[in-house]
């Protein structure tokens, strides 16, 4: 197993994550609807909206999983955030050196992963919209397009939330 790298711009990226005031918040229908929809589109039992925090992966929304966070050093999301791809796809995590022996793979049977980084308008990757499956697989092109589109929708919700806080401050 290889832990995700800490990014060179980590302090700025972390500040961008905190700006949205989403860490440690309760579930919200707007986000839960997206994870439910993307789970169905991708035919995946698990879908998440994650935020990569200092030492954990906070799950803002989760479908098919009953936990609210995981250690950053175990997170697939951390690798998606650190990567350069528009979407990170791991067909079989048991065969990927980054995830061999990872408890998320061995204990939770997260074999397949596809995640799109959630990128703010300044280019900071905050987390991901992702799906997991308990068996190796690939996504169809329309499923990949849907994941990318829904990731943009998540970022629009984040921005809307931030603007609301800014307006409240001005009042």
N, C-alpha and C. Protein backbone atom coordinates (compact mmCIF):
# COMPACT_ATOMS: atom_id res chain seq x y z
N UNK A 1 0.84 -1.18 0.00
CA UNK A 1 0.00 0.00 0.00
C UNK A 1 0.88 1.25 0.00
N UNK A 2 0.45 2.24 -0.73
CA UNK A 2 1.16 3.51 -0.78
C UNK A 2 0.19 4.62 -0.36
N UNK A 3 0.55 5.37 0.66
CA UNK A 3 -0.30 6.48 1.10
C UNK A 3 -0.27 7.58 0.05
N UNK A 4 -1.39 8.32 -0.10
CA UNK A 4 -1.38 9.42 -1.06
C UNK A 4 -0.38 10.49 -0.66
N UNK A 5 0.27 11.12 -1.63
CA UNK A 5 1.26 12.15 -1.29
C UNK A 5 0.58 13.43 -0.79
N UNK A 6 1.31 14.17 0.02
CA UNK A 6 0.86 15.50 0.44
C UNK A 6 1.29 16.46 -0.66
N UNK A 7 0.38 17.29 -1.10
CA UNK A 7 0.65 18.20 -2.22
C UNK A 7 1.52 19.37 -1.81
N UNK A 8 2.26 19.91 -2.76
CA UNK A 8 3.11 21.08 -2.51
C UNK A 8 2.29 22.28 -2.04
N UNK A 9 1.09 22.42 -2.58
CA UNK A 9 0.23 23.55 -2.22
C UNK A 9 -0.77 23.18 -1.13
N UNK A 10 -0.40 22.22 -0.28
CA UNK A 10 -1.33 21.70 0.72
C UNK A 10 -1.94 22.78 1.63
N UNK A 11 -1.16 23.75 2.16
CA UNK A 11 -1.80 24.77 3.02
C UNK A 11 -2.88 25.57 2.28
N UNK A 12 -2.63 25.91 1.03
CA UNK A 12 -3.61 26.66 0.25
C UNK A 12 -4.82 25.78 -0.10
N UNK A 13 -4.54 24.52 -0.44
CA UNK A 13 -5.62 23.58 -0.75
C UNK A 13 -6.50 23.36 0.48
N UNK A 14 -5.87 23.20 1.64
CA UNK A 14 -6.62 23.00 2.88
C UNK A 14 -7.48 24.23 3.20
N UNK A 15 -6.93 25.42 3.00
CA UNK A 15 -7.71 26.65 3.22
C UNK A 15 -8.91 26.69 2.27
N UNK A 16 -8.74 26.23 1.04
CA UNK A 16 -9.85 26.18 0.09
C UNK A 16 -10.93 25.22 0.57
N UNK A 17 -10.52 24.07 1.11
CA UNK A 17 -11.49 23.11 1.65
C UNK A 17 -12.28 23.76 2.79
N UNK A 18 -11.58 24.41 3.71
CA UNK A 18 -12.22 25.00 4.89
C UNK A 18 -13.12 26.17 4.54
N UNK A 19 -12.83 26.85 3.45
CA UNK A 19 -13.60 28.02 3.02
C UNK A 19 -15.10 27.69 2.87
N UNK A 20 -15.41 26.47 2.47
CA UNK A 20 -16.79 26.09 2.20
C UNK A 20 -17.57 25.67 3.45
N UNK A 21 -16.89 25.54 4.57
CA UNK A 21 -17.52 25.18 5.84
C UNK A 21 -18.38 23.91 5.74
N UNK A 22 -17.82 22.91 5.12
CA UNK A 22 -18.54 21.65 4.95
C UNK A 22 -18.02 20.53 5.84
N UNK A 23 -16.80 20.68 6.36
CA UNK A 23 -16.23 19.63 7.20
C UNK A 23 -17.09 19.46 8.46
N UNK A 24 -17.33 18.23 8.82
CA UNK A 24 -18.10 17.87 10.02
C UNK A 24 -19.54 18.37 10.00
N UNK A 25 -20.10 18.56 8.81
CA UNK A 25 -21.51 18.94 8.72
C UNK A 25 -22.37 17.69 8.56
N UNK A 26 -23.63 17.87 8.83
CA UNK A 26 -24.59 16.78 8.73
C UNK A 26 -24.92 16.49 7.26
N UNK A 27 -25.50 15.32 6.99
CA UNK A 27 -25.93 15.03 5.62
C UNK A 27 -26.94 16.08 5.14
N UNK A 28 -26.94 16.32 3.84
CA UNK A 28 -27.87 17.27 3.23
C UNK A 28 -28.44 16.64 1.97
N UNK A 29 -29.75 16.84 1.77
CA UNK A 29 -30.44 16.24 0.63
C UNK A 29 -29.79 16.57 -0.71
N UNK A 30 -29.35 17.81 -0.91
CA UNK A 30 -28.77 18.19 -2.19
C UNK A 30 -27.60 17.29 -2.57
N UNK A 31 -26.77 16.95 -1.61
CA UNK A 31 -25.61 16.10 -1.86
C UNK A 31 -26.00 14.63 -1.89
N UNK A 32 -26.89 14.24 -0.97
CA UNK A 32 -27.32 12.84 -0.91
C UNK A 32 -28.07 12.43 -2.18
N UNK A 33 -28.81 13.36 -2.78
CA UNK A 33 -29.48 13.06 -4.05
C UNK A 33 -28.46 12.75 -5.14
N UNK A 34 -27.38 13.51 -5.16
CA UNK A 34 -26.34 13.29 -6.17
C UNK A 34 -25.69 11.92 -5.98
N UNK A 35 -25.34 11.55 -4.75
CA UNK A 35 -24.70 10.24 -4.56
C UNK A 35 -25.66 9.10 -4.89
N UNK A 36 -26.94 9.28 -4.59
CA UNK A 36 -27.93 8.26 -4.94
C UNK A 36 -28.05 8.12 -6.45
N UNK A 37 -28.16 9.25 -7.14
CA UNK A 37 -28.30 9.22 -8.61
C UNK A 37 -27.06 8.62 -9.27
N UNK A 38 -25.88 9.05 -8.85
CA UNK A 38 -24.65 8.57 -9.51
C UNK A 38 -24.42 7.09 -9.22
N UNK A 39 -24.83 6.63 -8.05
CA UNK A 39 -24.75 5.21 -7.74
C UNK A 39 -25.60 4.40 -8.72
N UNK A 40 -26.81 4.91 -8.99
CA UNK A 40 -27.69 4.22 -9.93
C UNK A 40 -27.16 4.27 -11.36
N UNK A 41 -26.69 5.44 -11.79
CA UNK A 41 -26.16 5.58 -13.15
C UNK A 41 -24.97 4.65 -13.37
N UNK A 42 -24.08 4.61 -12.39
CA UNK A 42 -22.86 3.79 -12.51
C UNK A 42 -23.07 2.34 -12.08
N UNK A 43 -24.28 2.03 -11.62
CA UNK A 43 -24.58 0.68 -11.13
C UNK A 43 -23.55 0.22 -10.10
N UNK A 44 -23.23 1.15 -9.18
CA UNK A 44 -22.24 0.90 -8.13
C UNK A 44 -22.94 0.92 -6.77
N UNK A 45 -22.62 -0.01 -5.90
CA UNK A 45 -23.29 -0.06 -4.60
C UNK A 45 -22.91 1.09 -3.66
N UNK A 46 -21.75 1.72 -3.90
CA UNK A 46 -21.27 2.79 -3.02
C UNK A 46 -20.92 4.02 -3.84
N UNK A 47 -21.39 5.18 -3.39
CA UNK A 47 -20.95 6.44 -3.98
C UNK A 47 -20.78 7.45 -2.86
N UNK A 48 -19.79 8.33 -3.04
CA UNK A 48 -19.42 9.28 -1.98
C UNK A 48 -19.11 10.65 -2.56
N UNK A 49 -19.36 11.67 -1.75
CA UNK A 49 -18.80 13.00 -1.96
C UNK A 49 -17.85 13.20 -0.80
N UNK A 50 -16.56 13.34 -1.13
CA UNK A 50 -15.55 13.41 -0.07
C UNK A 50 -14.85 14.77 -0.08
N UNK A 51 -14.33 15.12 1.08
CA UNK A 51 -13.47 16.29 1.24
C UNK A 51 -12.20 15.81 1.92
N UNK A 52 -11.07 16.07 1.28
CA UNK A 52 -9.79 15.63 1.83
C UNK A 52 -9.31 16.66 2.84
N UNK A 53 -9.35 16.28 4.11
CA UNK A 53 -8.95 17.14 5.21
C UNK A 53 -7.50 16.82 5.59
N UNK A 54 -6.98 17.52 6.59
CA UNK A 54 -5.57 17.37 7.00
C UNK A 54 -5.15 15.92 7.18
N UNK A 55 -5.92 15.17 7.95
CA UNK A 55 -5.52 13.80 8.26
C UNK A 55 -6.64 12.78 8.05
N UNK A 56 -7.67 13.20 7.33
CA UNK A 56 -8.80 12.30 7.10
C UNK A 56 -9.49 12.63 5.79
N UNK A 57 -10.32 11.72 5.39
CA UNK A 57 -11.17 11.89 4.23
C UNK A 57 -12.59 11.99 4.79
N UNK A 58 -13.15 13.20 4.83
CA UNK A 58 -14.50 13.41 5.36
C UNK A 58 -15.51 13.08 4.27
N UNK A 59 -16.51 12.27 4.62
CA UNK A 59 -17.54 11.88 3.67
C UNK A 59 -18.74 12.80 3.84
N UNK A 60 -18.85 13.81 2.99
CA UNK A 60 -19.97 14.76 3.08
C UNK A 60 -21.27 14.07 2.74
N UNK A 61 -21.22 13.18 1.77
CA UNK A 61 -22.41 12.40 1.42
C UNK A 61 -21.97 10.99 1.13
N UNK A 62 -22.80 10.04 1.51
CA UNK A 62 -22.46 8.64 1.28
C UNK A 62 -23.72 7.86 0.95
N UNK A 63 -23.59 7.01 -0.01
CA UNK A 63 -24.67 6.11 -0.41
C UNK A 63 -24.10 4.70 -0.37
N UNK A 64 -24.71 3.84 0.43
CA UNK A 64 -24.27 2.45 0.50
C UNK A 64 -23.14 2.18 1.47
N UNK A 65 -22.84 3.14 2.33
CA UNK A 65 -21.74 2.99 3.29
C UNK A 65 -22.12 3.71 4.57
N UNK A 66 -21.81 3.10 5.70
CA UNK A 66 -22.20 3.69 6.98
C UNK A 66 -20.97 4.12 7.77
N UNK A 67 -20.29 5.14 7.27
CA UNK A 67 -19.19 5.75 8.02
C UNK A 67 -19.09 7.20 7.56
N UNK A 68 -18.52 8.06 8.38
CA UNK A 68 -18.47 9.48 8.03
C UNK A 68 -17.07 9.98 7.66
N UNK A 69 -16.06 9.15 7.87
CA UNK A 69 -14.71 9.54 7.51
C UNK A 69 -13.81 8.31 7.49
N UNK A 70 -12.63 8.50 6.88
CA UNK A 70 -11.61 7.46 6.89
C UNK A 70 -10.25 8.14 6.97
N UNK A 71 -9.22 7.44 7.41
CA UNK A 71 -7.90 8.05 7.49
C UNK A 71 -7.39 8.47 6.11
N UNK A 72 -6.79 9.62 6.05
CA UNK A 72 -6.27 10.14 4.78
C UNK A 72 -5.28 9.18 4.14
N UNK A 73 -4.43 8.57 4.95
CA UNK A 73 -3.40 7.71 4.38
C UNK A 73 -3.96 6.47 3.70
N UNK A 74 -5.24 6.15 3.94
CA UNK A 74 -5.87 5.00 3.29
C UNK A 74 -6.72 5.40 2.09
N UNK A 75 -6.93 6.69 1.91
CA UNK A 75 -7.96 7.15 0.99
C UNK A 75 -7.58 7.05 -0.48
N UNK A 76 -8.52 6.52 -1.25
CA UNK A 76 -8.41 6.54 -2.71
C UNK A 76 -8.52 7.99 -3.17
N UNK A 77 -9.38 8.74 -2.51
CA UNK A 77 -9.60 10.15 -2.84
C UNK A 77 -8.30 10.94 -2.80
N UNK A 78 -7.46 10.64 -1.83
CA UNK A 78 -6.18 11.34 -1.72
C UNK A 78 -5.32 11.15 -2.96
N UNK A 79 -5.40 9.95 -3.54
CA UNK A 79 -4.66 9.69 -4.79
C UNK A 79 -5.31 10.42 -5.96
N UNK A 80 -6.65 10.48 -5.97
CA UNK A 80 -7.36 11.20 -7.04
C UNK A 80 -7.02 12.70 -6.98
N UNK A 81 -6.98 13.25 -5.77
CA UNK A 81 -6.65 14.67 -5.58
C UNK A 81 -5.21 14.95 -6.00
N UNK A 82 -4.32 14.03 -5.71
CA UNK A 82 -2.90 14.23 -6.03
C UNK A 82 -2.58 13.99 -7.51
N UNK A 83 -3.47 13.29 -8.19
CA UNK A 83 -3.22 12.94 -9.59
C UNK A 83 -3.53 14.07 -10.56
N UNK A 84 -3.19 13.82 -11.81
CA UNK A 84 -3.43 14.80 -12.87
C UNK A 84 -4.63 14.45 -13.74
N UNK A 85 -5.23 13.30 -13.51
CA UNK A 85 -6.33 12.85 -14.35
C UNK A 85 -7.63 13.59 -14.03
N UNK A 86 -8.47 13.71 -15.06
CA UNK A 86 -9.82 14.24 -14.87
C UNK A 86 -10.67 13.28 -14.06
N UNK A 87 -10.36 12.00 -14.22
CA UNK A 87 -11.04 10.94 -13.47
C UNK A 87 -10.01 9.85 -13.19
N UNK A 88 -9.99 9.38 -11.96
CA UNK A 88 -9.09 8.28 -11.60
C UNK A 88 -9.93 7.02 -11.55
N UNK A 89 -9.52 6.03 -12.35
CA UNK A 89 -10.24 4.76 -12.39
C UNK A 89 -9.28 3.65 -12.00
N UNK A 90 -9.71 2.86 -11.02
CA UNK A 90 -8.94 1.70 -10.56
C UNK A 90 -9.82 0.47 -10.79
N UNK A 91 -9.60 -0.26 -11.89
CA UNK A 91 -10.47 -1.40 -12.21
C UNK A 91 -10.45 -2.50 -11.14
N UNK A 92 -9.26 -2.76 -10.56
CA UNK A 92 -9.14 -3.80 -9.53
C UNK A 92 -8.06 -3.36 -8.53
N UNK A 93 -8.51 -2.82 -7.40
CA UNK A 93 -7.58 -2.28 -6.41
C UNK A 93 -6.66 -3.35 -5.83
N UNK A 94 -7.06 -4.60 -5.90
CA UNK A 94 -6.21 -5.69 -5.38
C UNK A 94 -4.94 -5.84 -6.21
N UNK A 95 -4.98 -5.35 -7.45
CA UNK A 95 -3.85 -5.46 -8.37
C UNK A 95 -3.06 -4.15 -8.49
N UNK A 96 -3.49 -3.11 -7.81
CA UNK A 96 -2.85 -1.80 -7.90
C UNK A 96 -1.94 -1.62 -6.68
N UNK A 97 -0.66 -1.36 -6.92
CA UNK A 97 0.33 -1.27 -5.84
C UNK A 97 -0.06 -0.23 -4.79
N UNK A 98 -0.75 0.82 -5.21
CA UNK A 98 -1.16 1.87 -4.26
C UNK A 98 -2.15 1.36 -3.22
N UNK A 99 -2.90 0.30 -3.55
CA UNK A 99 -3.99 -0.13 -2.67
C UNK A 99 -3.87 -1.57 -2.17
N UNK A 100 -2.83 -2.30 -2.59
CA UNK A 100 -2.63 -3.68 -2.10
C UNK A 100 -2.46 -3.65 -0.58
N UNK A 101 -3.27 -4.42 0.12
CA UNK A 101 -3.19 -4.47 1.57
C UNK A 101 -3.92 -3.35 2.29
N UNK A 102 -4.50 -2.43 1.55
CA UNK A 102 -5.26 -1.33 2.15
C UNK A 102 -6.51 -1.90 2.82
N UNK A 103 -6.78 -1.56 4.09
CA UNK A 103 -7.97 -2.08 4.78
C UNK A 103 -9.28 -1.74 4.08
N UNK A 104 -9.31 -0.66 3.31
CA UNK A 104 -10.54 -0.33 2.57
C UNK A 104 -10.79 -1.41 1.52
N UNK A 105 -9.72 -1.99 1.00
CA UNK A 105 -9.84 -3.07 0.02
C UNK A 105 -10.08 -4.40 0.74
N UNK A 106 -9.26 -4.71 1.74
CA UNK A 106 -9.34 -6.02 2.38
C UNK A 106 -10.55 -6.17 3.30
N UNK A 107 -10.90 -5.14 4.06
CA UNK A 107 -12.00 -5.23 5.02
C UNK A 107 -13.35 -4.82 4.44
N UNK A 108 -13.35 -3.78 3.61
CA UNK A 108 -14.61 -3.26 3.07
C UNK A 108 -14.87 -3.74 1.64
N UNK A 109 -13.92 -4.50 1.09
CA UNK A 109 -14.06 -5.07 -0.25
C UNK A 109 -14.30 -4.01 -1.32
N UNK A 110 -13.59 -2.88 -1.21
CA UNK A 110 -13.63 -1.84 -2.23
C UNK A 110 -12.64 -2.24 -3.31
N UNK A 111 -13.14 -2.90 -4.33
CA UNK A 111 -12.28 -3.45 -5.39
C UNK A 111 -12.17 -2.47 -6.56
N UNK A 112 -13.30 -1.99 -7.02
CA UNK A 112 -13.33 -1.03 -8.12
C UNK A 112 -13.53 0.38 -7.57
N UNK A 113 -12.86 1.36 -8.17
CA UNK A 113 -13.01 2.77 -7.78
C UNK A 113 -12.96 3.65 -9.02
N UNK A 114 -13.83 4.65 -9.05
CA UNK A 114 -13.74 5.71 -10.06
C UNK A 114 -14.08 7.01 -9.34
N UNK A 115 -13.19 7.99 -9.42
CA UNK A 115 -13.40 9.25 -8.72
C UNK A 115 -13.00 10.44 -9.57
N UNK A 116 -13.85 11.46 -9.53
CA UNK A 116 -13.57 12.72 -10.22
C UNK A 116 -13.24 13.76 -9.15
N UNK A 117 -12.06 14.37 -9.23
CA UNK A 117 -11.72 15.41 -8.26
C UNK A 117 -12.71 16.58 -8.33
N UNK A 118 -13.03 17.12 -7.15
CA UNK A 118 -13.86 18.31 -7.04
C UNK A 118 -12.92 19.50 -7.03
N UNK A 119 -12.92 20.26 -8.11
CA UNK A 119 -11.95 21.32 -8.32
C UNK A 119 -12.64 22.68 -8.23
N UNK A 120 -12.14 23.55 -7.35
CA UNK A 120 -12.74 24.89 -7.24
C UNK A 120 -12.24 25.78 -8.38
N UNK A 121 -12.77 26.99 -8.46
CA UNK A 121 -12.41 27.85 -9.59
C UNK A 121 -10.96 28.33 -9.55
N UNK A 122 -10.27 28.15 -8.42
CA UNK A 122 -8.85 28.49 -8.34
C UNK A 122 -7.95 27.29 -8.64
N UNK A 123 -8.57 26.16 -8.97
CA UNK A 123 -7.81 24.97 -9.34
C UNK A 123 -7.45 24.05 -8.19
N UNK A 124 -7.95 24.33 -6.99
CA UNK A 124 -7.66 23.46 -5.84
C UNK A 124 -8.60 22.26 -5.85
N UNK A 125 -8.01 21.09 -5.67
CA UNK A 125 -8.80 19.86 -5.61
C UNK A 125 -9.18 19.63 -4.15
N UNK A 126 -10.48 19.68 -3.89
CA UNK A 126 -10.99 19.63 -2.52
C UNK A 126 -11.28 18.21 -2.04
N UNK A 127 -11.66 17.38 -2.95
CA UNK A 127 -12.08 16.02 -2.63
C UNK A 127 -12.50 15.34 -3.91
N UNK A 128 -13.51 14.47 -3.82
CA UNK A 128 -13.95 13.79 -5.04
C UNK A 128 -15.41 13.37 -4.96
N UNK A 129 -15.97 13.15 -6.13
CA UNK A 129 -17.23 12.43 -6.27
C UNK A 129 -16.80 11.07 -6.82
N UNK A 130 -17.13 10.01 -6.09
CA UNK A 130 -16.59 8.71 -6.49
C UNK A 130 -17.59 7.59 -6.29
N UNK A 131 -17.30 6.49 -6.97
CA UNK A 131 -18.08 5.27 -6.82
C UNK A 131 -17.13 4.11 -6.54
N UNK A 132 -17.64 3.15 -5.79
CA UNK A 132 -16.90 1.92 -5.48
C UNK A 132 -17.79 0.73 -5.81
N UNK A 133 -17.13 -0.39 -6.13
CA UNK A 133 -17.86 -1.64 -6.30
C UNK A 133 -17.05 -2.74 -5.62
N UNK A 134 -17.72 -3.85 -5.35
CA UNK A 134 -17.08 -4.97 -4.66
C UNK A 134 -16.47 -5.98 -5.64
N UNK A 135 -16.47 -5.64 -6.90
CA UNK A 135 -15.88 -6.51 -7.91
C UNK A 135 -15.16 -5.66 -8.95
N UNK A 136 -14.18 -6.26 -9.63
CA UNK A 136 -13.48 -5.50 -10.66
C UNK A 136 -14.42 -5.19 -11.81
N UNK A 137 -14.22 -4.02 -12.43
CA UNK A 137 -15.07 -3.65 -13.56
C UNK A 137 -14.52 -2.42 -14.25
N UNK A 138 -15.22 -1.99 -15.27
CA UNK A 138 -14.92 -0.73 -15.95
C UNK A 138 -16.23 0.05 -16.06
N UNK A 139 -16.12 1.34 -16.35
CA UNK A 139 -17.31 2.16 -16.57
C UNK A 139 -17.53 2.34 -18.07
N UNK A 140 -18.79 2.50 -18.44
CA UNK A 140 -19.12 2.85 -19.81
C UNK A 140 -18.87 4.34 -19.99
N UNK A 141 -18.71 4.76 -21.22
CA UNK A 141 -18.42 6.17 -21.52
C UNK A 141 -19.50 7.10 -20.96
N UNK A 142 -20.78 6.72 -21.07
CA UNK A 142 -21.85 7.58 -20.56
C UNK A 142 -21.79 7.69 -19.02
N UNK A 143 -21.31 6.65 -18.35
CA UNK A 143 -21.16 6.69 -16.90
C UNK A 143 -20.03 7.63 -16.50
N UNK A 144 -18.95 7.61 -17.26
CA UNK A 144 -17.82 8.52 -17.00
C UNK A 144 -18.28 9.97 -17.19
N UNK A 145 -19.02 10.23 -18.27
CA UNK A 145 -19.54 11.58 -18.52
C UNK A 145 -20.46 12.03 -17.40
N UNK A 146 -21.30 11.13 -16.92
CA UNK A 146 -22.22 11.46 -15.82
C UNK A 146 -21.46 11.80 -14.55
N UNK A 147 -20.42 11.02 -14.23
CA UNK A 147 -19.60 11.29 -13.04
C UNK A 147 -18.97 12.68 -13.14
N UNK A 148 -18.42 13.01 -14.29
CA UNK A 148 -17.79 14.32 -14.48
C UNK A 148 -18.81 15.44 -14.36
N UNK A 149 -19.98 15.26 -14.96
CA UNK A 149 -21.03 16.29 -14.89
C UNK A 149 -21.53 16.48 -13.47
N UNK A 150 -21.72 15.39 -12.76
CA UNK A 150 -22.23 15.50 -11.39
C UNK A 150 -21.17 16.10 -10.46
N UNK A 151 -19.90 15.86 -10.75
CA UNK A 151 -18.83 16.50 -9.95
C UNK A 151 -18.91 18.02 -10.12
N UNK A 152 -19.19 18.48 -11.34
CA UNK A 152 -19.36 19.92 -11.57
C UNK A 152 -20.58 20.44 -10.80
N UNK A 153 -21.62 19.64 -10.75
CA UNK A 153 -22.83 20.03 -10.01
C UNK A 153 -22.52 20.16 -8.52
N UNK A 154 -21.73 19.23 -8.00
CA UNK A 154 -21.34 19.30 -6.58
C UNK A 154 -20.59 20.61 -6.33
N UNK A 155 -19.65 20.95 -7.21
CA UNK A 155 -18.90 22.20 -7.03
C UNK A 155 -19.81 23.42 -7.12
N UNK A 156 -20.84 23.36 -7.96
CA UNK A 156 -21.79 24.48 -8.03
C UNK A 156 -22.53 24.61 -6.70
N UNK A 157 -22.87 23.50 -6.08
CA UNK A 157 -23.52 23.55 -4.76
C UNK A 157 -22.57 24.12 -3.70
N UNK A 158 -21.29 23.73 -3.77
CA UNK A 158 -20.30 24.27 -2.84
C UNK A 158 -20.21 25.78 -3.00
N UNK A 159 -20.15 26.25 -4.25
CA UNK A 159 -20.02 27.69 -4.52
C UNK A 159 -21.26 28.45 -4.06
N UNK A 160 -22.41 27.86 -4.28
CA UNK A 160 -23.67 28.48 -3.83
C UNK A 160 -23.66 28.64 -2.31
N UNK A 161 -23.21 27.62 -1.64
CA UNK A 161 -23.12 27.65 -0.17
C UNK A 161 -22.19 28.78 0.28
N UNK A 162 -21.03 28.88 -0.37
CA UNK A 162 -20.06 29.91 -0.02
C UNK A 162 -20.64 31.31 -0.24
N UNK A 163 -21.30 31.50 -1.37
CA UNK A 163 -21.90 32.81 -1.67
C UNK A 163 -22.96 33.19 -0.64
N UNK A 164 -23.72 32.19 -0.20
CA UNK A 164 -24.75 32.44 0.83
C UNK A 164 -24.09 32.92 2.12
N UNK A 165 -23.00 32.27 2.53
CA UNK A 165 -22.29 32.70 3.74
C UNK A 165 -21.74 34.11 3.58
N UNK A 166 -21.21 34.41 2.40
CA UNK A 166 -20.66 35.75 2.15
C UNK A 166 -21.75 36.82 2.22
N UNK A 167 -22.90 36.51 1.66
CA UNK A 167 -24.02 37.46 1.72
C UNK A 167 -24.50 37.67 3.15
N UNK A 168 -24.57 36.60 3.91
CA UNK A 168 -24.97 36.71 5.31
C UNK A 168 -23.99 37.57 6.10
N UNK A 169 -22.70 37.45 5.79
CA UNK A 169 -21.68 38.28 6.46
C UNK A 169 -21.90 39.76 6.16
N UNK A 170 -22.23 40.05 4.90
CA UNK A 170 -22.43 41.45 4.50
C UNK A 170 -23.66 42.06 5.15
N UNK A 171 -24.65 41.23 5.44
CA UNK A 171 -25.85 41.73 6.08
C UNK A 171 -25.61 41.86 7.57
